[in-house]
């Protein structure tokens, strides 16, 4: 009986693994950088979303000394002002990580602003929060 309990628990863990790996992912170019962006949920949700950004230079080397900011914005609509939320990403294990809050469902313009050596470039993409 105990053996079957362990097998059942191991099966659940094995099957849950891909669910955590199924977040939103997009690759963009920003100036001389290749930017790999991942969010923990797909689609992103209203509320907190974890964002992970990997930045590589044109030779393919990881960039770990830049300032990276994640910006989510929604343009104004009739009866609603524009919205914007910014988060400074912190470097952790060679990747930049930030939490961004999306305050309502709908289409959000996302920007990853990378500043290094006095030069700023931006990778842009769109997500639909639910």
N, C-alpha and C. Protein backbone atom coordinates (compact mmCIF):
# COMPACT_ATOMS: atom_id res chain seq x y z
N UNK A 1 0.82 -1.20 0.00
CA UNK A 1 0.00 0.00 0.00
C UNK A 1 0.87 1.26 0.00
N UNK A 2 1.88 1.26 0.86
CA UNK A 2 2.77 2.43 0.96
C UNK A 2 3.50 2.67 -0.36
N UNK A 3 3.88 1.59 -1.04
CA UNK A 3 4.57 1.69 -2.33
C UNK A 3 3.68 2.42 -3.34
N UNK A 4 2.41 2.09 -3.38
CA UNK A 4 1.49 2.72 -4.33
C UNK A 4 1.28 4.19 -4.01
N UNK A 5 1.30 4.54 -2.73
CA UNK A 5 1.18 5.95 -2.34
C UNK A 5 2.37 6.74 -2.89
N UNK A 6 3.57 6.21 -2.76
CA UNK A 6 4.76 6.89 -3.29
C UNK A 6 4.70 7.00 -4.81
N UNK A 7 4.25 5.95 -5.46
CA UNK A 7 4.13 5.98 -6.92
C UNK A 7 3.11 7.04 -7.34
N UNK A 8 2.00 7.13 -6.63
CA UNK A 8 0.98 8.14 -6.94
C UNK A 8 1.49 9.55 -6.76
N UNK A 9 2.21 9.80 -5.66
CA UNK A 9 2.76 11.13 -5.41
C UNK A 9 3.80 11.48 -6.47
N UNK A 10 4.67 10.54 -6.82
CA UNK A 10 5.69 10.79 -7.84
C UNK A 10 5.04 11.09 -9.19
N UNK A 11 3.97 10.40 -9.51
CA UNK A 11 3.25 10.64 -10.77
C UNK A 11 2.67 12.04 -10.81
N UNK A 12 2.08 12.48 -9.70
CA UNK A 12 1.50 13.83 -9.65
C UNK A 12 2.58 14.89 -9.82
N UNK A 13 3.71 14.71 -9.18
CA UNK A 13 4.81 15.67 -9.31
C UNK A 13 5.32 15.69 -10.74
N UNK A 14 5.48 14.52 -11.34
CA UNK A 14 5.96 14.44 -12.72
C UNK A 14 5.00 15.13 -13.67
N UNK A 15 3.72 14.94 -13.49
CA UNK A 15 2.72 15.54 -14.38
C UNK A 15 2.56 17.03 -14.13
N UNK A 16 2.81 17.51 -12.92
CA UNK A 16 2.68 18.93 -12.61
C UNK A 16 3.85 19.73 -13.16
N UNK A 17 5.00 19.11 -13.36
CA UNK A 17 6.18 19.81 -13.86
C UNK A 17 5.94 20.61 -15.11
N UNK A 18 5.37 20.02 -16.18
CA UNK A 18 5.12 20.78 -17.39
C UNK A 18 4.16 21.95 -17.19
N UNK A 19 3.26 21.87 -16.24
CA UNK A 19 2.34 22.99 -16.00
C UNK A 19 3.10 24.22 -15.54
N UNK A 20 4.14 24.04 -14.76
CA UNK A 20 4.93 25.17 -14.30
C UNK A 20 5.81 25.71 -15.42
N UNK A 21 6.17 24.86 -16.37
CA UNK A 21 7.04 25.28 -17.46
C UNK A 21 6.26 25.92 -18.60
N UNK A 22 4.95 25.97 -18.51
CA UNK A 22 4.12 26.44 -19.61
C UNK A 22 3.83 27.92 -19.60
N UNK A 23 4.70 28.74 -19.04
CA UNK A 23 4.48 30.18 -19.00
C UNK A 23 4.64 30.82 -20.37
N UNK A 24 4.43 32.13 -20.40
CA UNK A 24 4.54 32.92 -21.62
C UNK A 24 6.02 33.14 -21.92
N UNK A 25 6.41 32.99 -23.18
CA UNK A 25 7.81 33.22 -23.57
C UNK A 25 7.86 33.91 -24.92
N UNK A 26 8.78 34.85 -25.05
CA UNK A 26 8.97 35.55 -26.32
C UNK A 26 10.44 35.97 -26.42
N UNK A 27 10.95 35.98 -27.64
CA UNK A 27 12.31 36.45 -27.88
C UNK A 27 12.23 37.68 -28.76
N UNK A 28 13.00 38.70 -28.39
CA UNK A 28 13.02 39.96 -29.13
C UNK A 28 14.45 40.44 -29.28
N UNK A 29 14.67 41.31 -30.23
CA UNK A 29 15.94 42.01 -30.37
C UNK A 29 15.74 43.43 -29.89
N UNK A 30 16.74 43.95 -29.22
CA UNK A 30 16.73 45.34 -28.76
C UNK A 30 18.12 45.89 -29.03
N UNK A 31 18.27 46.66 -30.10
CA UNK A 31 19.60 47.14 -30.47
C UNK A 31 20.52 45.97 -30.74
N UNK A 32 21.65 45.93 -30.05
CA UNK A 32 22.62 44.85 -30.22
C UNK A 32 22.34 43.65 -29.32
N UNK A 33 21.25 43.66 -28.58
CA UNK A 33 20.95 42.60 -27.63
C UNK A 33 19.89 41.63 -28.16
N UNK A 34 20.05 40.36 -27.78
CA UNK A 34 19.01 39.36 -27.94
C UNK A 34 18.37 39.21 -26.56
N UNK A 35 17.07 39.34 -26.50
CA UNK A 35 16.37 39.36 -25.22
C UNK A 35 15.37 38.20 -25.17
N UNK A 36 15.51 37.36 -24.16
CA UNK A 36 14.61 36.21 -23.95
C UNK A 36 13.75 36.54 -22.74
N UNK A 37 12.44 36.67 -22.95
CA UNK A 37 11.53 37.10 -21.89
C UNK A 37 10.59 35.95 -21.55
N UNK A 38 10.44 35.68 -20.27
CA UNK A 38 9.53 34.63 -19.80
C UNK A 38 8.66 35.19 -18.67
N UNK A 39 7.39 34.85 -18.73
CA UNK A 39 6.47 35.19 -17.64
C UNK A 39 5.95 33.87 -17.07
N UNK A 40 5.66 33.84 -15.79
CA UNK A 40 5.30 32.59 -15.14
C UNK A 40 3.93 32.06 -15.53
N UNK A 41 3.11 32.86 -16.17
CA UNK A 41 1.77 32.40 -16.53
C UNK A 41 1.49 32.70 -18.01
N UNK A 42 0.72 31.81 -18.62
CA UNK A 42 0.29 32.01 -20.00
C UNK A 42 -1.17 31.61 -20.12
N UNK A 43 -2.06 32.55 -20.27
CA UNK A 43 -1.80 33.97 -20.42
C UNK A 43 -1.46 34.61 -19.07
N UNK A 44 -0.80 35.78 -19.11
CA UNK A 44 -0.59 36.52 -17.87
C UNK A 44 -1.94 36.82 -17.21
N UNK A 45 -1.91 37.03 -15.90
CA UNK A 45 -3.15 37.22 -15.15
C UNK A 45 -3.24 38.62 -14.57
N UNK A 46 -4.46 39.02 -14.23
CA UNK A 46 -4.65 40.26 -13.49
C UNK A 46 -4.00 40.04 -12.13
N UNK A 47 -3.16 40.96 -11.73
CA UNK A 47 -2.42 40.82 -10.48
C UNK A 47 -0.94 40.60 -10.75
N UNK A 48 -0.27 39.95 -9.83
CA UNK A 48 1.19 39.78 -9.89
C UNK A 48 1.60 38.72 -10.91
N UNK A 49 2.59 39.07 -11.71
CA UNK A 49 3.19 38.16 -12.69
C UNK A 49 4.70 38.26 -12.54
N UNK A 50 5.36 37.12 -12.48
CA UNK A 50 6.81 37.08 -12.40
C UNK A 50 7.39 37.13 -13.81
N UNK A 51 8.39 37.99 -14.00
CA UNK A 51 9.03 38.15 -15.30
C UNK A 51 10.51 37.82 -15.14
N UNK A 52 11.04 37.04 -16.09
CA UNK A 52 12.46 36.70 -16.11
C UNK A 52 13.01 37.09 -17.48
N UNK A 53 14.12 37.81 -17.47
CA UNK A 53 14.70 38.33 -18.71
C UNK A 53 16.16 37.90 -18.80
N UNK A 54 16.51 37.27 -19.91
CA UNK A 54 17.91 36.95 -20.20
C UNK A 54 18.35 37.86 -21.34
N UNK A 55 19.47 38.53 -21.15
CA UNK A 55 20.00 39.47 -22.14
C UNK A 55 21.35 38.95 -22.61
N UNK A 56 21.51 38.87 -23.94
CA UNK A 56 22.78 38.45 -24.52
C UNK A 56 23.27 39.52 -25.49
N UNK A 57 24.59 39.73 -25.52
CA UNK A 57 25.14 40.69 -26.48
C UNK A 57 25.24 40.05 -27.85
N UNK A 58 25.74 40.80 -28.84
CA UNK A 58 25.75 40.28 -30.22
C UNK A 58 26.69 39.09 -30.41
N UNK A 59 27.61 38.86 -29.46
CA UNK A 59 28.48 37.68 -29.55
C UNK A 59 27.86 36.49 -28.81
N UNK A 60 26.68 36.67 -28.21
CA UNK A 60 26.01 35.58 -27.51
C UNK A 60 26.35 35.46 -26.04
N UNK A 61 27.13 36.41 -25.53
CA UNK A 61 27.54 36.39 -24.12
C UNK A 61 26.46 37.02 -23.25
N UNK A 62 26.21 36.41 -22.08
CA UNK A 62 25.22 36.96 -21.13
C UNK A 62 25.64 38.35 -20.67
N UNK A 63 24.68 39.26 -20.65
CA UNK A 63 24.88 40.61 -20.13
C UNK A 63 24.31 40.63 -18.72
N UNK A 64 25.18 40.84 -17.73
CA UNK A 64 24.73 40.82 -16.34
C UNK A 64 25.03 42.13 -15.60
N UNK A 65 25.50 43.14 -16.32
CA UNK A 65 25.84 44.40 -15.67
C UNK A 65 24.99 45.57 -16.16
N UNK A 66 23.83 45.28 -16.70
CA UNK A 66 22.94 46.34 -17.19
C UNK A 66 21.86 46.65 -16.16
N UNK A 67 21.19 47.77 -16.35
CA UNK A 67 20.00 48.08 -15.57
C UNK A 67 18.82 47.67 -16.45
N UNK A 68 17.96 46.82 -15.93
CA UNK A 68 16.82 46.32 -16.69
C UNK A 68 15.54 46.71 -15.95
N UNK A 69 14.61 47.27 -16.71
CA UNK A 69 13.33 47.69 -16.15
C UNK A 69 12.21 47.06 -16.99
N UNK A 70 11.19 46.54 -16.30
CA UNK A 70 10.02 45.97 -16.96
C UNK A 70 8.89 46.99 -16.83
N UNK A 71 8.26 47.33 -17.95
CA UNK A 71 7.20 48.35 -17.95
C UNK A 71 5.97 47.76 -18.63
N UNK A 72 4.84 47.83 -17.94
CA UNK A 72 3.56 47.41 -18.51
C UNK A 72 2.68 48.65 -18.63
N UNK A 73 2.11 48.87 -19.81
CA UNK A 73 1.25 50.04 -19.99
C UNK A 73 0.03 49.68 -20.81
N UNK A 74 -1.05 50.40 -20.52
CA UNK A 74 -2.29 50.25 -21.27
C UNK A 74 -2.73 51.66 -21.66
N UNK A 75 -2.99 51.89 -22.95
CA UNK A 75 -3.38 53.24 -23.37
C UNK A 75 -4.76 53.63 -22.82
N UNK A 76 -4.99 54.92 -22.80
CA UNK A 76 -6.30 55.43 -22.34
C UNK A 76 -7.39 54.95 -23.29
N UNK A 77 -8.55 54.73 -22.72
CA UNK A 77 -9.74 54.35 -23.48
C UNK A 77 -10.88 55.25 -23.02
N UNK A 78 -11.96 55.31 -23.78
CA UNK A 78 -13.08 56.16 -23.34
C UNK A 78 -13.50 55.84 -21.90
N UNK A 79 -13.48 56.84 -21.06
CA UNK A 79 -13.88 56.67 -19.66
C UNK A 79 -12.82 56.04 -18.77
N UNK A 80 -11.59 55.86 -19.29
CA UNK A 80 -10.55 55.23 -18.50
C UNK A 80 -9.20 55.88 -18.83
N UNK A 81 -8.47 56.29 -17.82
CA UNK A 81 -7.14 56.88 -18.09
C UNK A 81 -6.13 55.80 -18.46
N UNK A 82 -5.01 56.23 -19.00
CA UNK A 82 -3.94 55.28 -19.30
C UNK A 82 -3.39 54.72 -17.98
N UNK A 83 -2.79 53.54 -18.06
CA UNK A 83 -2.21 52.90 -16.87
C UNK A 83 -0.79 52.47 -17.18
N UNK A 84 0.05 52.51 -16.15
CA UNK A 84 1.43 52.08 -16.31
C UNK A 84 1.95 51.53 -15.00
N UNK A 85 2.73 50.49 -15.08
CA UNK A 85 3.37 49.90 -13.91
C UNK A 85 4.81 49.57 -14.30
N UNK A 86 5.77 49.97 -13.46
CA UNK A 86 7.19 49.73 -13.72
C UNK A 86 7.79 48.92 -12.58
N UNK A 87 8.76 48.09 -12.93
CA UNK A 87 9.48 47.32 -11.92
C UNK A 87 10.94 47.20 -12.35
N UNK A 88 11.85 47.52 -11.44
CA UNK A 88 13.27 47.33 -11.69
C UNK A 88 13.61 45.86 -11.48
N UNK A 89 14.26 45.25 -12.45
CA UNK A 89 14.62 43.84 -12.36
C UNK A 89 15.95 43.70 -11.61
N UNK A 90 16.05 42.66 -10.84
CA UNK A 90 17.25 42.34 -10.08
C UNK A 90 17.92 41.13 -10.70
N UNK A 91 19.24 41.18 -10.80
CA UNK A 91 19.98 40.08 -11.39
C UNK A 91 20.04 38.92 -10.39
N UNK A 92 19.75 37.72 -10.89
CA UNK A 92 19.77 36.53 -10.05
C UNK A 92 20.12 35.34 -10.94
N UNK A 93 21.22 34.68 -10.66
CA UNK A 93 21.68 33.54 -11.45
C UNK A 93 21.78 33.86 -12.94
N UNK A 94 22.30 35.03 -13.26
CA UNK A 94 22.52 35.42 -14.64
C UNK A 94 21.31 35.92 -15.39
N UNK A 95 20.16 36.02 -14.72
CA UNK A 95 18.94 36.51 -15.36
C UNK A 95 18.35 37.63 -14.52
N UNK A 96 17.63 38.50 -15.19
CA UNK A 96 16.98 39.62 -14.51
C UNK A 96 15.56 39.20 -14.15
N UNK A 97 15.18 39.44 -12.89
CA UNK A 97 13.86 39.01 -12.42
C UNK A 97 13.12 40.18 -11.80
N UNK A 98 11.82 40.24 -12.10
CA UNK A 98 10.97 41.31 -11.57
C UNK A 98 9.54 40.79 -11.43
N UNK A 99 8.76 41.47 -10.60
CA UNK A 99 7.33 41.18 -10.48
C UNK A 99 6.60 42.39 -11.05
N UNK A 100 5.69 42.15 -11.97
CA UNK A 100 4.91 43.24 -12.56
C UNK A 100 3.43 42.96 -12.30
N UNK A 101 2.71 44.01 -11.87
CA UNK A 101 1.29 43.88 -11.59
C UNK A 101 0.48 44.44 -12.76
N UNK A 102 -0.43 43.63 -13.26
CA UNK A 102 -1.35 44.05 -14.31
C UNK A 102 -2.71 44.26 -13.62
N UNK A 103 -3.18 45.51 -13.61
CA UNK A 103 -4.33 45.87 -12.78
C UNK A 103 -5.69 45.50 -13.36
N UNK A 104 -5.73 45.12 -14.64
CA UNK A 104 -7.00 44.70 -15.22
C UNK A 104 -6.75 43.81 -16.42
N UNK A 105 -7.77 43.08 -16.81
CA UNK A 105 -7.67 42.23 -17.99
C UNK A 105 -7.63 43.07 -19.25
N UNK A 106 -7.06 42.50 -20.30
CA UNK A 106 -6.98 43.18 -21.57
C UNK A 106 -5.57 43.19 -22.12
N UNK A 107 -5.39 43.94 -23.18
CA UNK A 107 -4.11 44.01 -23.88
C UNK A 107 -3.17 45.01 -23.21
N UNK A 108 -1.98 44.54 -22.87
CA UNK A 108 -0.96 45.37 -22.22
C UNK A 108 0.26 45.47 -23.14
N UNK A 109 0.79 46.67 -23.29
CA UNK A 109 2.04 46.89 -24.00
C UNK A 109 3.17 46.68 -22.99
N UNK A 110 4.07 45.78 -23.30
CA UNK A 110 5.18 45.47 -22.41
C UNK A 110 6.47 45.97 -23.02
N UNK A 111 7.32 46.53 -22.18
CA UNK A 111 8.64 47.00 -22.61
C UNK A 111 9.69 46.49 -21.64
N UNK A 112 10.79 46.03 -22.18
CA UNK A 112 11.96 45.67 -21.38
C UNK A 112 13.01 46.70 -21.74
N UNK A 113 13.30 47.61 -20.82
CA UNK A 113 14.25 48.71 -21.05
C UNK A 113 15.60 48.29 -20.48
N UNK A 114 16.60 48.27 -21.36
CA UNK A 114 17.95 47.84 -20.99
C UNK A 114 18.89 49.03 -21.11
N UNK A 115 19.56 49.37 -20.00
CA UNK A 115 20.51 50.47 -20.00
C UNK A 115 21.88 49.93 -19.60
N UNK A 116 22.85 50.18 -20.48
CA UNK A 116 24.22 49.75 -20.22
C UNK A 116 25.17 50.74 -20.88
N UNK A 117 26.16 51.20 -20.14
CA UNK A 117 27.15 52.11 -20.69
C UNK A 117 26.56 53.40 -21.22
N UNK A 118 25.52 53.92 -20.57
CA UNK A 118 24.90 55.17 -20.98
C UNK A 118 23.96 55.06 -22.18
N UNK A 119 23.80 53.85 -22.71
CA UNK A 119 22.93 53.64 -23.87
C UNK A 119 21.71 52.82 -23.44
N UNK A 120 20.52 53.25 -23.87
CA UNK A 120 19.28 52.55 -23.53
C UNK A 120 18.61 52.02 -24.79
N UNK A 121 18.22 50.75 -24.73
CA UNK A 121 17.45 50.13 -25.81
C UNK A 121 16.24 49.44 -25.20
N UNK A 122 15.24 49.18 -26.02
CA UNK A 122 13.99 48.62 -25.51
C UNK A 122 13.49 47.50 -26.40
N UNK A 123 13.08 46.41 -25.76
CA UNK A 123 12.38 45.31 -26.44
C UNK A 123 10.90 45.47 -26.11
N UNK A 124 10.04 45.40 -27.13
CA UNK A 124 8.60 45.60 -26.92
C UNK A 124 7.81 44.39 -27.39
N UNK A 125 6.73 44.10 -26.65
CA UNK A 125 5.83 43.02 -27.02
C UNK A 125 4.48 43.29 -26.34
N UNK A 126 3.49 42.52 -26.66
CA UNK A 126 2.14 42.71 -26.12
C UNK A 126 1.66 41.42 -25.48
N UNK A 127 0.97 41.54 -24.34
CA UNK A 127 0.34 40.38 -23.70
C UNK A 127 -1.14 40.70 -23.44
N UNK A 128 -1.93 39.67 -23.37
CA UNK A 128 -3.35 39.80 -23.04
C UNK A 128 -3.58 39.18 -21.69
N UNK A 129 -3.82 39.99 -20.67
CA UNK A 129 -4.04 39.50 -19.31
C UNK A 129 -5.50 39.07 -19.15
N UNK A 130 -5.68 38.03 -18.38
CA UNK A 130 -7.03 37.52 -18.10
C UNK A 130 -7.25 37.40 -16.62
